[in-house]
Amino acid sequence: MTPIPFQQELTVASQHLDEWNHVNNLEYIKWVLDISEAHWTTKTPADTREKHAWFVLDHHIHYKRQAFLGEELILTTWIETYSKVKSERRVHITRKTDGKTVVEAKTNWCFIDRVTKKPSLITTAILKPYIEFDSA
């Protein structure tokens, strides 16, 4: 099993900053959610998205470096592991100029049925856009 990464870039703007003039910690959480949603909506067919969604179970965020106004960041996400109804998604945020890691995040998600709001089975078809399965 090999995850298929998904990336987006962003430039730190003034609205992302806190009183210390570096990116506010809450912005990182928002970016983790935003890239996760973008990955889902970009790679998953509309009919699947109409029937299913993901609920966050927990976030684990490791702030490694600060980011400042005007810096270009690369957000990379992938599915690290999965089970019957849960998956662990990773997000790494790096600084474009030097490749240094700013944030490492791990989020556990539960796959749900939109109508019942109950956990739903994660099938191979659901995972296909996100993971290359070994053919051995």
C-alpha atoms as a PDB file:
ATOM      1  CA  MET A   1       0.000   0.000   0.000  1.00  0.00           C
ATOM      2  CA  THR A   2       1.454   3.327  -1.109  1.00  0.00           C
ATOM      3  CA  PRO A   3      -0.314   6.609  -0.309  1.00  0.00           C
ATOM      4  CA  ILE A   4      -0.865   9.055  -3.182  1.00  0.00           C
ATOM      5  CA  PRO A   5       0.006  12.534  -1.855  1.00  0.00           C
ATOM      6  CA  PHE A   6      -1.967  15.677  -2.670  1.00  0.00           C
ATOM      7  CA  GLN A   7      -0.483  19.176  -2.489  1.00  0.00           C
ATOM      8  CA  GLN A   8      -1.530  22.799  -2.415  1.00  0.00           C
ATOM      9  CA  GLU A   9       0.452  25.976  -1.956  1.00  0.00           C
ATOM     10  CA  LEU A  10      -0.457  29.111  -0.060  1.00  0.00           C
ATOM     11  CA  THR A  11       1.161  32.384   0.863  1.00  0.00           C
ATOM     12  CA  VAL A  12       0.919  33.616   4.442  1.00  0.00           C
ATOM     13  CA  ALA A  13      -1.276  36.737   4.513  1.00  0.00           C
ATOM     14  CA  SER A  14      -1.844  39.291   7.261  1.00  0.00           C
ATOM     15  CA  GLN A  15      -5.150  37.687   8.334  1.00  0.00           C
ATOM     16  CA  HIS A  16      -3.219  34.484   9.201  1.00  0.00           C
ATOM     17  CA  LEU A  17      -1.043  36.240  11.788  1.00  0.00           C
ATOM     18  CA  ASP A  18      -1.426  36.526  15.540  1.00  0.00           C
ATOM     19  CA  GLU A  19      -0.222  39.223  17.956  1.00  0.00           C
ATOM     20  CA  TRP A  20       3.359  37.892  17.614  1.00  0.00           C
ATOM     21  CA  ASN A  21       3.307  38.392  13.821  1.00  0.00           C
ATOM     22  CA  HIS A  22       3.600  34.716  12.995  1.00  0.00           C
ATOM     23  CA  VAL A  23       0.909  32.321  11.805  1.00  0.00           C
ATOM     24  CA  ASN A  24      -1.752  31.761  14.455  1.00  0.00           C
ATOM     25  CA  ASN A  25      -1.980  28.133  15.616  1.00  0.00           C
ATOM     26  CA  LEU A  26      -5.686  28.050  14.742  1.00  0.00           C
ATOM     27  CA  GLU A  27      -4.805  28.815  11.112  1.00  0.00           C
ATOM     28  CA  TYR A  28      -2.810  25.596  10.903  1.00  0.00           C
ATOM     29  CA  ILE A  29      -5.823  23.607  12.075  1.00  0.00           C
ATOM     30  CA  LYS A  30      -7.958  25.358   9.467  1.00  0.00           C
ATOM     31  CA  TRP A  31      -5.378  24.573   6.772  1.00  0.00           C
ATOM     32  CA  VAL A  32      -5.284  20.914   7.827  1.00  0.00           C
ATOM     33  CA  LEU A  33      -9.068  20.777   7.424  1.00  0.00           C
ATOM     34  CA  ASP A  34      -8.997  22.752   4.155  1.00  0.00           C
ATOM     35  CA  ILE A  35      -6.458  20.541   2.400  1.00  0.00           C
ATOM     36  CA  SER A  36      -8.204  17.408   3.668  1.00  0.00           C
ATOM     37  CA  GLU A  37     -11.488  18.672   2.204  1.00  0.00           C
ATOM     38  CA  ALA A  38      -9.789  19.687  -1.056  1.00  0.00           C
ATOM     39  CA  HIS A  39      -8.236  16.232  -1.393  1.00  0.00           C
ATOM     40  CA  TRP A  40     -11.639  14.600  -0.823  1.00  0.00           C
ATOM     41  CA  THR A  41     -13.540  16.851  -3.234  1.00  0.00           C
ATOM     42  CA  THR A  42     -10.860  16.741  -5.930  1.00  0.00           C
ATOM     43  CA  LYS A  43     -10.334  12.977  -5.977  1.00  0.00           C
ATOM     44  CA  THR A  44     -13.745  11.550  -5.067  1.00  0.00           C
ATOM     45  CA  PRO A  45     -16.722  11.319  -7.461  1.00  0.00           C
ATOM     46  CA  ALA A  46     -19.689  13.578  -6.677  1.00  0.00           C
ATOM     47  CA  ASP A  47     -22.076  10.652  -6.129  1.00  0.00           C
ATOM     48  CA  THR A  48     -19.791   9.267  -3.404  1.00  0.00           C
ATOM     49  CA  ARG A  49     -19.494  12.694  -1.748  1.00  0.00           C
ATOM     50  CA  GLU A  50     -23.296  13.022  -1.786  1.00  0.00           C
ATOM     51  CA  LYS A  51     -23.649   9.741   0.142  1.00  0.00           C
ATOM     52  CA  HIS A  52     -20.662   9.925   2.497  1.00  0.00           C
ATOM     53  CA  ALA A  53     -18.583  12.344   4.542  1.00  0.00           C
ATOM     54  CA  TRP A  54     -15.784  12.360   7.112  1.00  0.00           C
ATOM     55  CA  PHE A  55     -16.029  13.413  10.760  1.00  0.00           C
ATOM     56  CA  VAL A  56     -12.913  14.350  12.723  1.00  0.00           C
ATOM     57  CA  LEU A  57     -12.208  12.155  15.730  1.00  0.00           C
ATOM     58  CA  ASP A  58      -9.027  13.913  16.859  1.00  0.00           C
ATOM     59  CA  HIS A  59      -6.106  16.087  15.735  1.00  0.00           C
ATOM     60  CA  HIS A  60      -2.459  15.786  16.744  1.00  0.00           C
ATOM     61  CA  ILE A  61      -0.360  18.761  15.667  1.00  0.00           C
ATOM     62  CA  HIS A  62       3.356  19.250  16.095  1.00  0.00           C
ATOM     63  CA  TYR A  63       4.426  22.854  15.591  1.00  0.00           C
ATOM     64  CA  LYS A  64       8.075  22.679  14.506  1.00  0.00           C
ATOM     65  CA  ARG A  65       8.777  26.183  13.184  1.00  0.00           C
ATOM     66  CA  GLN A  66       7.055  29.518  12.846  1.00  0.00           C
ATOM     67  CA  ALA A  67       5.814  30.920   9.539  1.00  0.00           C
ATOM     68  CA  PHE A  68       5.650  34.623   8.773  1.00  0.00           C
ATOM     69  CA  LEU A  69       3.952  37.118   6.481  1.00  0.00           C
ATOM     70  CA  GLY A  70       4.675  36.547   2.808  1.00  0.00           C
ATOM     71  CA  GLU A  71       6.191  33.095   3.193  1.00  0.00           C
ATOM     72  CA  GLU A  72       5.089  30.512   0.657  1.00  0.00           C
ATOM     73  CA  LEU A  73       4.052  27.211   2.192  1.00  0.00           C
ATOM     74  CA  ILE A  74       3.451  23.801   0.659  1.00  0.00           C
ATOM     75  CA  LEU A  75       0.702  21.693   2.225  1.00  0.00           C
ATOM     76  CA  THR A  76       0.957  17.978   1.528  1.00  0.00           C
ATOM     77  CA  THR A  77      -1.604  15.414   2.664  1.00  0.00           C
ATOM     78  CA  TRP A  78      -2.110  11.670   2.321  1.00  0.00           C
ATOM     79  CA  ILE A  79      -3.938   8.739   3.888  1.00  0.00           C
ATOM     80  CA  GLU A  80      -1.464   7.031   6.204  1.00  0.00           C
ATOM     81  CA  THR A  81      -3.603   4.121   7.445  1.00  0.00           C
ATOM     82  CA  TYR A  82      -7.201   2.970   7.420  1.00  0.00           C
ATOM     83  CA  SER A  83      -9.469   0.394   9.008  1.00  0.00           C
ATOM     84  CA  LYS A  84     -13.102  -0.548   8.465  1.00  0.00           C
ATOM     85  CA  VAL A  85     -14.577   2.905   9.218  1.00  0.00           C
ATOM     86  CA  LYS A  86     -11.601   5.086  10.208  1.00  0.00           C
ATOM     87  CA  SER A  87      -8.580   6.551   8.524  1.00  0.00           C
ATOM     88  CA  GLU A  88      -5.535   8.455   9.639  1.00  0.00           C
ATOM     89  CA  ARG A  89      -4.652  11.405   7.425  1.00  0.00           C
ATOM     90  CA  ARG A  90      -1.309  13.153   7.623  1.00  0.00           C
ATOM     91  CA  VAL A  91      -0.592  16.750   6.677  1.00  0.00           C
ATOM     92  CA  HIS A  92       2.871  18.260   6.424  1.00  0.00           C
ATOM     93  CA  ILE A  93       3.318  21.974   5.940  1.00  0.00           C
ATOM     94  CA  THR A  94       6.731  23.006   4.655  1.00  0.00           C
ATOM     95  CA  ARG A  95       8.323  26.306   3.773  1.00  0.00           C
ATOM     96  CA  LYS A  96       8.835  26.499   0.008  1.00  0.00           C
ATOM     97  CA  THR A  97      12.136  28.417   0.129  1.00  0.00           C
ATOM     98  CA  ASP A  98      14.101  25.916   2.203  1.00  0.00           C
ATOM     99  CA  GLY A  99      11.869  22.818   2.442  1.00  0.00           C
ATOM    100  CA  LYS A 100      11.883  22.943   6.246  1.00  0.00           C
ATOM    101  CA  THR A 101       8.894  21.464   8.038  1.00  0.00           C
ATOM    102  CA  VAL A 102       6.710  24.014   9.789  1.00  0.00           C
ATOM    103  CA  VAL A 103       3.915  21.703  10.978  1.00  0.00           C
ATOM    104  CA  GLU A 104       3.252  17.970  11.077  1.00  0.00           C
ATOM    105  CA  ALA A 105      -0.350  16.955  11.687  1.00  0.00           C
ATOM    106  CA  LYS A 106      -2.151  13.678  12.109  1.00  0.00           C
ATOM    107  CA  THR A 107      -5.954  13.547  12.061  1.00  0.00           C
ATOM    108  CA  ASN A 108      -8.134  10.523  12.688  1.00  0.00           C
ATOM    109  CA  TRP A 109     -11.358  10.554  10.721  1.00  0.00           C
ATOM    110  CA  CYS A 110     -14.502   8.433  10.765  1.00  0.00           C
ATOM    111  CA  PHE A 111     -16.218   7.694   7.453  1.00  0.00           C
ATOM    112  CA  ILE A 112     -19.970   8.246   7.758  1.00  0.00           C
ATOM    113  CA  ASP A 113     -23.192   7.842   5.863  1.00  0.00           C
ATOM    114  CA  ARG A 114     -24.636  11.337   5.303  1.00  0.00           C
ATOM    115  CA  VAL A 115     -28.232  10.216   5.908  1.00  0.00           C
ATOM    116  CA  THR A 116     -27.840   8.069   9.017  1.00  0.00           C
ATOM    117  CA  LYS A 117     -24.756   9.914  10.380  1.00  0.00           C
ATOM    118  CA  LYS A 118     -23.441   6.473  11.348  1.00  0.00           C
ATOM    119  CA  PRO A 119     -20.068   4.958  10.457  1.00  0.00           C
ATOM    120  CA  SER A 120     -19.862   3.498   6.976  1.00  0.00           C
ATOM    121  CA  LEU A 121     -17.521   0.852   5.594  1.00  0.00           C
ATOM    122  CA  ILE A 122     -14.447   2.188   3.774  1.00  0.00           C
ATOM    123  CA  THR A 123     -14.251   0.102   0.613  1.00  0.00           C
ATOM    124  CA  THR A 124     -11.394  -0.348  -1.832  1.00  0.00           C
ATOM    125  CA  ALA A 125     -13.376   1.756  -4.307  1.00  0.00           C
ATOM    126  CA  ILE A 126     -13.415   4.631  -1.815  1.00  0.00           C
ATOM    127  CA  LEU A 127      -9.653   4.327  -1.263  1.00  0.00           C
ATOM    128  CA  LYS A 128      -8.630   3.869  -4.898  1.00  0.00           C
ATOM    129  CA  PRO A 129      -7.942   7.596  -5.624  1.00  0.00           C
ATOM    130  CA  TYR A 130      -5.806   7.864  -2.483  1.00  0.00           C
ATOM    131  CA  ILE A 131      -3.776   4.662  -2.256  1.00  0.00           C
ATOM    132  CA  GLU A 132      -1.876   2.494  -4.720  1.00  0.00           C
ATOM    133  CA  PHE A 133      -2.445  -1.083  -3.687  1.00  0.00           C
ATOM    134  CA  ASP A 134       0.481  -3.454  -4.118  1.00  0.00           C
ATOM    135  CA  SER A 135      -0.224  -6.067  -6.763  1.00  0.00           C
ATOM    136  CA  ALA A 136       1.787  -8.798  -5.052  1.00  0.00           C
END
